[in-house]
Amino acid sequence: IVCHAKPGQNVEKADECGIIKFGSRIDMF
């Protein structure tokens, strides 16, 4: 799993945040 998140980082919707290689899932809360 590749994730670009870093605490304190300001991010914008629709920018790339990472990738998961092969079959996987996203849980949103």
PDB file of all heavy atoms in Angstrom:
ATOM      1  N   ILE A   1       0.862  -1.179   0.000  1.00  0.00           N
ATOM      2  CA  ILE A   1       0.000   0.000   0.000  1.00  0.00           C
ATOM      3  C   ILE A   1       0.898   1.228   0.000  1.00  0.00           C
ATOM      4  O   ILE A   1       1.802   1.342   0.825  1.00  0.00           O
ATOM      5  CB  ILE A   1      -0.917   0.035   1.237  1.00  0.00           C
ATOM      6  CG1 ILE A   1      -1.799  -1.215   1.294  1.00  0.00           C
ATOM      7  CG2 ILE A   1      -1.776   1.291   1.225  1.00  0.00           C
ATOM      8  CD1 ILE A   1      -2.632  -1.318   2.550  1.00  0.00           C
ATOM      9  N   VAL A   2       0.644   2.155  -0.911  1.00  0.00           N
ATOM     10  CA  VAL A   2       1.364   3.420  -0.957  1.00  0.00           C
ATOM     11  C   VAL A   2       0.409   4.514  -0.502  1.00  0.00           C
ATOM     12  O   VAL A   2      -0.697   4.633  -1.032  1.00  0.00           O
ATOM     13  CB  VAL A   2       1.877   3.738  -2.375  1.00  0.00           C
ATOM     14  CG1 VAL A   2       2.535   5.109  -2.413  1.00  0.00           C
ATOM     15  CG2 VAL A   2       2.850   2.664  -2.846  1.00  0.00           C
ATOM     16  N   CYS A   3       0.815   5.294   0.493  1.00  0.00           N
ATOM     17  CA  CYS A   3      -0.005   6.397   0.994  1.00  0.00           C
ATOM     18  C   CYS A   3       0.876   7.624   1.170  1.00  0.00           C
ATOM     19  O   CYS A   3       1.954   7.542   1.759  1.00  0.00           O
ATOM     20  CB  CYS A   3      -0.661   6.018   2.317  1.00  0.00           C
ATOM     21  SG  CYS A   3      -1.814   7.274   2.936  1.00  0.00           S
ATOM     22  N   HIS A   4       0.414   8.758   0.640  1.00  0.00           N
ATOM     23  CA  HIS A   4       1.205   9.989   0.695  1.00  0.00           C
ATOM     24  C   HIS A   4       0.861  10.880   1.890  1.00  0.00           C
ATOM     25  O   HIS A   4       1.364  12.007   1.983  1.00  0.00           O
ATOM     26  CB  HIS A   4       1.000  10.792  -0.594  1.00  0.00           C
ATOM     27  CG  HIS A   4       1.307  10.022  -1.850  1.00  0.00           C
ATOM     28  ND1 HIS A   4       2.411   9.211  -1.967  1.00  0.00           N
ATOM     29  CD2 HIS A   4       0.652   9.952  -3.032  1.00  0.00           C
ATOM     30  CE1 HIS A   4       2.424   8.664  -3.174  1.00  0.00           C
ATOM     31  NE2 HIS A   4       1.368   9.088  -3.832  1.00  0.00           N
ATOM     32  N   ALA A   5       0.028  10.408   2.794  1.00  0.00           N
ATOM     33  CA  ALA A   5      -0.429  11.226   3.914  1.00  0.00           C
ATOM     34  C   ALA A   5       0.688  11.518   4.905  1.00  0.00           C
ATOM     35  O   ALA A   5       1.460  10.619   5.269  1.00  0.00           O
ATOM     36  CB  ALA A   5      -1.579  10.533   4.633  1.00  0.00           C
ATOM     37  N   LYS A   6       0.760  12.771   5.342  1.00  0.00           N
ATOM     38  CA  LYS A   6       1.677  13.196   6.388  1.00  0.00           C
ATOM     39  C   LYS A   6       0.936  14.140   7.325  1.00  0.00           C
ATOM     40  O   LYS A   6       0.338  15.111   6.864  1.00  0.00           O
ATOM     41  CB  LYS A   6       2.895  13.915   5.793  1.00  0.00           C
ATOM     42  CG  LYS A   6       3.750  13.039   4.882  1.00  0.00           C
ATOM     43  CD  LYS A   6       4.911  13.833   4.303  1.00  0.00           C
ATOM     44  CE  LYS A   6       5.760  12.964   3.380  1.00  0.00           C
ATOM     45  NZ  LYS A   6       6.875  13.749   2.768  1.00  0.00           N
ATOM     46  N   PRO A   7       0.945  13.882   8.633  1.00  0.00           N
ATOM     47  CA  PRO A   7       0.263  14.771   9.570  1.00  0.00           C
ATOM     48  C   PRO A   7       0.729  16.216   9.410  1.00  0.00           C
ATOM     49  O   PRO A   7       1.923  16.492   9.268  1.00  0.00           O
ATOM     50  CB  PRO A   7       0.644  14.201  10.938  1.00  0.00           C
ATOM     51  CG  PRO A   7       0.871  12.743  10.673  1.00  0.00           C
ATOM     52  CD  PRO A   7       1.514  12.693   9.305  1.00  0.00           C
ATOM     53  N   GLY A   8      -0.224  17.150   9.414  1.00  0.00           N
ATOM     54  CA  GLY A   8       0.065  18.563   9.221  1.00  0.00           C
ATOM     55  C   GLY A   8      -0.027  19.006   7.772  1.00  0.00           C
ATOM     56  O   GLY A   8       0.012  20.203   7.480  1.00  0.00           O
ATOM     57  N   GLN A   9      -0.170  18.052   6.863  1.00  0.00           N
ATOM     58  CA  GLN A   9      -0.228  18.342   5.434  1.00  0.00           C
ATOM     59  C   GLN A   9      -1.631  18.821   5.044  1.00  0.00           C
ATOM     60  O   GLN A   9      -2.632  18.237   5.425  1.00  0.00           O
ATOM     61  CB  GLN A   9       0.130  17.069   4.671  1.00  0.00           C
ATOM     62  CG  GLN A   9      -0.016  17.128   3.168  1.00  0.00           C
ATOM     63  CD  GLN A   9       0.215  15.759   2.527  1.00  0.00           C
ATOM     64  OE1 GLN A   9       0.167  14.734   3.202  1.00  0.00           O
ATOM     65  NE2 GLN A   9       0.475  15.758   1.246  1.00  0.00           N
ATOM     66  N   ASN A  10      -1.705  19.928   4.289  1.00  0.00           N
ATOM     67  CA  ASN A  10      -2.972  20.382   3.725  1.00  0.00           C
ATOM     68  C   ASN A  10      -3.138  19.771   2.340  1.00  0.00           C
ATOM     69  O   ASN A  10      -2.229  19.851   1.509  1.00  0.00           O
ATOM     70  CB  ASN A  10      -3.013  21.908   3.635  1.00  0.00           C
ATOM     71  CG  ASN A  10      -3.123  22.562   4.995  1.00  0.00           C
ATOM     72  OD1 ASN A  10      -3.995  22.217   5.792  1.00  0.00           O
ATOM     73  ND2 ASN A  10      -2.237  23.504   5.282  1.00  0.00           N
ATOM     74  N   VAL A  11      -4.284  19.148   2.101  1.00  0.00           N
ATOM     75  CA  VAL A  11      -4.499  18.425   0.848  1.00  0.00           C
ATOM     76  C   VAL A  11      -5.762  18.929   0.168  1.00  0.00           C
ATOM     77  O   VAL A  11      -6.640  19.538   0.797  1.00  0.00           O
ATOM     78  CB  VAL A  11      -4.591  16.907   1.094  1.00  0.00           C
ATOM     79  CG1 VAL A  11      -3.300  16.391   1.703  1.00  0.00           C
ATOM     80  CG2 VAL A  11      -5.777  16.563   1.988  1.00  0.00           C
ATOM     81  N   GLU A  12      -5.853  18.663  -1.122  1.00  0.00           N
ATOM     82  CA  GLU A  12      -6.998  19.097  -1.909  1.00  0.00           C
ATOM     83  C   GLU A  12      -7.703  17.908  -2.542  1.00  0.00           C
ATOM     84  O   GLU A  12      -7.060  16.968  -3.024  1.00  0.00           O
ATOM     85  CB  GLU A  12      -6.550  20.079  -2.999  1.00  0.00           C
ATOM     86  CG  GLU A  12      -5.981  21.374  -2.460  1.00  0.00           C
ATOM     87  CD  GLU A  12      -5.650  22.366  -3.556  1.00  0.00           C
ATOM     88  OE1 GLU A  12      -5.882  22.041  -4.751  1.00  0.00           O
ATOM     89  OE2 GLU A  12      -5.173  23.458  -3.223  1.00  0.00           O
ATOM     90  N   LYS A  13      -9.005  17.978  -2.527  1.00  0.00           N
ATOM     91  CA  LYS A  13      -9.829  16.936  -3.124  1.00  0.00           C
ATOM     92  C   LYS A  13      -9.441  16.688  -4.578  1.00  0.00           C
ATOM     93  O   LYS A  13      -9.156  17.625  -5.324  1.00  0.00           O
ATOM     94  CB  LYS A  13     -11.307  17.345  -3.033  1.00  0.00           C
ATOM     95  CG  LYS A  13     -12.275  16.352  -3.623  1.00  0.00           C
ATOM     96  CD  LYS A  13     -13.701  16.668  -3.239  1.00  0.00           C
ATOM     97  CE  LYS A  13     -14.164  18.014  -3.745  1.00  0.00           C
ATOM     98  NZ  LYS A  13     -15.585  18.255  -3.436  1.00  0.00           N
ATOM     99  N   ALA A  14      -9.398  15.413  -4.958  1.00  0.00           N
ATOM    100  CA  ALA A  14      -9.113  14.947  -6.322  1.00  0.00           C
ATOM    101  C   ALA A  14      -7.627  14.888  -6.642  1.00  0.00           C
ATOM    102  O   ALA A  14      -7.257  14.450  -7.722  1.00  0.00           O
ATOM    103  CB  ALA A  14      -9.836  15.771  -7.382  1.00  0.00           C
ATOM    104  N   ASP A  15      -6.747  15.306  -5.709  1.00  0.00           N
ATOM    105  CA  ASP A  15      -5.314  15.047  -5.878  1.00  0.00           C
ATOM    106  C   ASP A  15      -5.032  13.603  -5.456  1.00  0.00           C
ATOM    107  O   ASP A  15      -5.718  13.044  -4.596  1.00  0.00           O
ATOM    108  CB  ASP A  15      -4.471  15.999  -5.026  1.00  0.00           C
ATOM    109  CG  ASP A  15      -4.399  17.402  -5.611  1.00  0.00           C
ATOM    110  OD1 ASP A  15      -4.845  17.581  -6.770  1.00  0.00           O
ATOM    111  OD2 ASP A  15      -3.905  18.310  -4.916  1.00  0.00           O
ATOM    112  N   GLU A  16      -4.010  13.014  -6.031  1.00  0.00           N
ATOM    113  CA  GLU A  16      -3.676  11.629  -5.713  1.00  0.00           C
ATOM    114  C   GLU A  16      -3.187  11.503  -4.273  1.00  0.00           C
ATOM    115  O   GLU A  16      -2.374  12.298  -3.802  1.00  0.00           O
ATOM    116  CB  GLU A  16      -2.593  11.117  -6.661  1.00  0.00           C
ATOM    117  CG  GLU A  16      -2.240   9.656  -6.450  1.00  0.00           C
ATOM    118  CD  GLU A  16      -0.960   9.248  -7.166  1.00  0.00           C
ATOM    119  OE1 GLU A  16      -0.713   9.774  -8.264  1.00  0.00           O
ATOM    120  OE2 GLU A  16      -0.205   8.426  -6.620  1.00  0.00           O
ATOM    121  N   CYS A  17      -3.666  10.468  -3.565  1.00  0.00           N
ATOM    122  CA  CYS A  17      -3.214  10.239  -2.187  1.00  0.00           C
ATOM    123  C   CYS A  17      -2.504   8.901  -2.019  1.00  0.00           C
ATOM    124  O   CYS A  17      -1.976   8.617  -0.951  1.00  0.00           O
ATOM    125  CB  CYS A  17      -4.374  10.347  -1.201  1.00  0.00           C
ATOM    126  SG  CYS A  17      -5.591   9.011  -1.287  1.00  0.00           S
ATOM    127  N   GLY A  18      -2.467   8.059  -3.066  1.00  0.00           N
ATOM    128  CA  GLY A  18      -1.763   6.790  -2.942  1.00  0.00           C
ATOM    129  C   GLY A  18      -2.276   5.763  -3.928  1.00  0.00           C
ATOM    130  O   GLY A  18      -3.034   6.076  -4.860  1.00  0.00           O
ATOM    131  N   ILE A  19      -1.881   4.516  -3.705  1.00  0.00           N
ATOM    132  CA  ILE A  19      -2.304   3.403  -4.554  1.00  0.00           C
ATOM    133  C   ILE A  19      -2.224   2.111  -3.747  1.00  0.00           C
ATOM    134  O   ILE A  19      -1.383   1.984  -2.848  1.00  0.00           O
ATOM    135  CB  ILE A  19      -1.429   3.303  -5.824  1.00  0.00           C
ATOM    136  CG1 ILE A  19      -1.939   2.217  -6.790  1.00  0.00           C
ATOM    137  CG2 ILE A  19       0.028   3.051  -5.471  1.00  0.00           C
ATOM    138  CD1 ILE A  19      -1.244   2.214  -8.143  1.00  0.00           C
ATOM    139  N   ILE A  20      -3.118   1.176  -4.024  1.00  0.00           N
ATOM    140  CA  ILE A  20      -3.057  -0.155  -3.437  1.00  0.00           C
ATOM    141  C   ILE A  20      -2.845  -1.135  -4.574  1.00  0.00           C
ATOM    142  O   ILE A  20      -3.610  -1.142  -5.534  1.00  0.00           O
ATOM    143  CB  ILE A  20      -4.346  -0.522  -2.679  1.00  0.00           C
ATOM    144  CG1 ILE A  20      -4.813   0.631  -1.793  1.00  0.00           C
ATOM    145  CG2 ILE A  20      -4.127  -1.773  -1.840  1.00  0.00           C
ATOM    146  CD1 ILE A  20      -6.150   0.374  -1.126  1.00  0.00           C
ATOM    147  N   LYS A  21      -1.830  -1.964  -4.471  1.00  0.00           N
ATOM    148  CA  LYS A  21      -1.531  -2.895  -5.555  1.00  0.00           C
ATOM    149  C   LYS A  21      -2.400  -4.144  -5.445  1.00  0.00           C
ATOM    150  O   LYS A  21      -2.326  -4.879  -4.463  1.00  0.00           O
ATOM    151  CB  LYS A  21      -0.046  -3.276  -5.541  1.00  0.00           C
ATOM    152  CG  LYS A  21       0.874  -2.096  -5.855  1.00  0.00           C
ATOM    153  CD  LYS A  21       2.307  -2.536  -6.006  1.00  0.00           C
ATOM    154  CE  LYS A  21       3.207  -1.364  -6.375  1.00  0.00           C
ATOM    155  NZ  LYS A  21       4.618  -1.784  -6.566  1.00  0.00           N
ATOM    156  N   PHE A  22      -3.220  -4.354  -6.465  1.00  0.00           N
ATOM    157  CA  PHE A  22      -4.119  -5.497  -6.623  1.00  0.00           C
ATOM    158  C   PHE A  22      -5.335  -5.383  -5.695  1.00  0.00           C
ATOM    159  O   PHE A  22      -5.498  -4.407  -4.977  1.00  0.00           O
ATOM    160  CB  PHE A  22      -3.366  -6.817  -6.494  1.00  0.00           C
ATOM    161  CG  PHE A  22      -2.288  -6.967  -7.538  1.00  0.00           C
ATOM    162  CD1 PHE A  22      -0.948  -6.842  -7.191  1.00  0.00           C
ATOM    163  CD2 PHE A  22      -2.620  -7.183  -8.855  1.00  0.00           C
ATOM    164  CE1 PHE A  22       0.043  -6.957  -8.147  1.00  0.00           C
ATOM    165  CE2 PHE A  22      -1.629  -7.291  -9.817  1.00  0.00           C
ATOM    166  CZ  PHE A  22      -0.301  -7.174  -9.473  1.00  0.00           C
ATOM    167  N   GLY A  23      -6.237  -6.401  -5.765  1.00  0.00           N
ATOM    168  CA  GLY A  23      -7.562  -6.318  -5.174  1.00  0.00           C
ATOM    169  C   GLY A  23      -7.593  -5.804  -3.744  1.00  0.00           C
ATOM    170  O   GLY A  23      -6.841  -6.258  -2.905  1.00  0.00           O
ATOM    171  N   SER A  24      -8.477  -4.862  -3.457  1.00  0.00           N
ATOM    172  CA  SER A  24      -8.426  -4.185  -2.176  1.00  0.00           C
ATOM    173  C   SER A  24      -9.718  -3.414  -1.915  1.00  0.00           C
ATOM    174  O   SER A  24     -10.697  -3.544  -2.644  1.00  0.00           O
ATOM    175  CB  SER A  24      -7.218  -3.254  -2.148  1.00  0.00           C
ATOM    176  OG  SER A  24      -7.072  -2.601  -3.399  1.00  0.00           O
ATOM    177  N   ARG A  25      -9.698  -2.578  -0.871  1.00  0.00           N
ATOM    178  CA  ARG A  25     -10.923  -1.915  -0.438  1.00  0.00           C
ATOM    179  C   ARG A  25     -10.598  -0.601   0.262  1.00  0.00           C
ATOM    180  O   ARG A  25      -9.530  -0.440   0.857  1.00  0.00           O
ATOM    181  CB  ARG A  25     -11.644  -2.867   0.515  1.00  0.00           C
ATOM    182  CG  ARG A  25     -12.880  -2.322   1.180  1.00  0.00           C
ATOM    183  CD  ARG A  25     -13.536  -3.435   1.979  1.00  0.00           C
ATOM    184  NE  ARG A  25     -13.914  -3.003   3.314  1.00  0.00           N
ATOM    185  CZ  ARG A  25     -14.385  -3.814   4.250  1.00  0.00           C
ATOM    186  NH1 ARG A  25     -14.514  -5.106   3.998  1.00  0.00           N
ATOM    187  NH2 ARG A  25     -14.713  -3.362   5.426  1.00  0.00           N
ATOM    188  N   ILE A  26     -11.551   0.332   0.198  1.00  0.00           N
ATOM    189  CA  ILE A  26     -11.476   1.596   0.934  1.00  0.00           C
ATOM    190  C   ILE A  26     -12.656   1.669   1.889  1.00  0.00           C
ATOM    191  O   ILE A  26     -13.801   1.461   1.485  1.00  0.00           O
ATOM    192  CB  ILE A  26     -11.529   2.812  -0.025  1.00  0.00           C
ATOM    193  CG1 ILE A  26     -10.307   2.846  -0.943  1.00  0.00           C
ATOM    194  CG2 ILE A  26     -11.637   4.112   0.779  1.00  0.00           C
ATOM    195  CD1 ILE A  26      -8.999   3.186  -0.244  1.00  0.00           C
ATOM    196  N   ASP A  27     -12.389   1.936   3.167  1.00  0.00           N
ATOM    197  CA  ASP A  27     -13.431   2.234   4.149  1.00  0.00           C
ATOM    198  C   ASP A  27     -13.385   3.726   4.453  1.00  0.00           C
ATOM    199  O   ASP A  27     -12.328   4.255   4.819  1.00  0.00           O
ATOM    200  CB  ASP A  27     -13.210   1.456   5.445  1.00  0.00           C
ATOM    201  CG  ASP A  27     -13.537  -0.023   5.313  1.00  0.00           C
ATOM    202  OD1 ASP A  27     -14.096  -0.417   4.276  1.00  0.00           O
ATOM    203  OD2 ASP A  27     -13.235  -0.769   6.264  1.00  0.00           O
ATOM    204  N   MET A  28     -14.522   4.398   4.294  1.00  0.00           N
ATOM    205  CA  MET A  28     -14.624   5.816   4.636  1.00  0.00           C
ATOM    206  C   MET A  28     -15.555   5.959   5.835  1.00  0.00           C
ATOM    207  O   MET A  28     -16.605   5.312   5.904  1.00  0.00           O
ATOM    208  CB  MET A  28     -15.163   6.614   3.442  1.00  0.00           C
ATOM    209  CG  MET A  28     -14.342   6.458   2.168  1.00  0.00           C
ATOM    210  SD  MET A  28     -15.061   7.339   0.744  1.00  0.00           S
ATOM    211  CE  MET A  28     -14.848   9.042   1.277  1.00  0.00           C
ATOM    212  N   PHE A  29     -15.159   6.832   6.785  1.00  0.00           N
ATOM    213  CA  PHE A  29     -15.952   7.065   7.988  1.00  0.00           C
ATOM    214  C   PHE A  29     -16.289   8.553   8.053  1.00  0.00           C
ATOM    215  O   PHE A  29     -15.390   9.410   8.124  1.00  0.00           O
ATOM    216  CB  PHE A  29     -15.183   6.626   9.229  1.00  0.00           C
ATOM    217  CG  PHE A  29     -14.819   5.162   9.215  1.00  0.00           C
ATOM    218  CD1 PHE A  29     -13.634   4.726   8.644  1.00  0.00           C
ATOM    219  CD2 PHE A  29     -15.674   4.213   9.760  1.00  0.00           C
ATOM    220  CE1 PHE A  29     -13.292   3.377   8.619  1.00  0.00           C
ATOM    221  CE2 PHE A  29     -15.346   2.863   9.734  1.00  0.00           C
ATOM    222  CZ  PHE A  29     -14.157   2.442   9.175  1.00  0.00           C
TER     223      PHE A  29
END
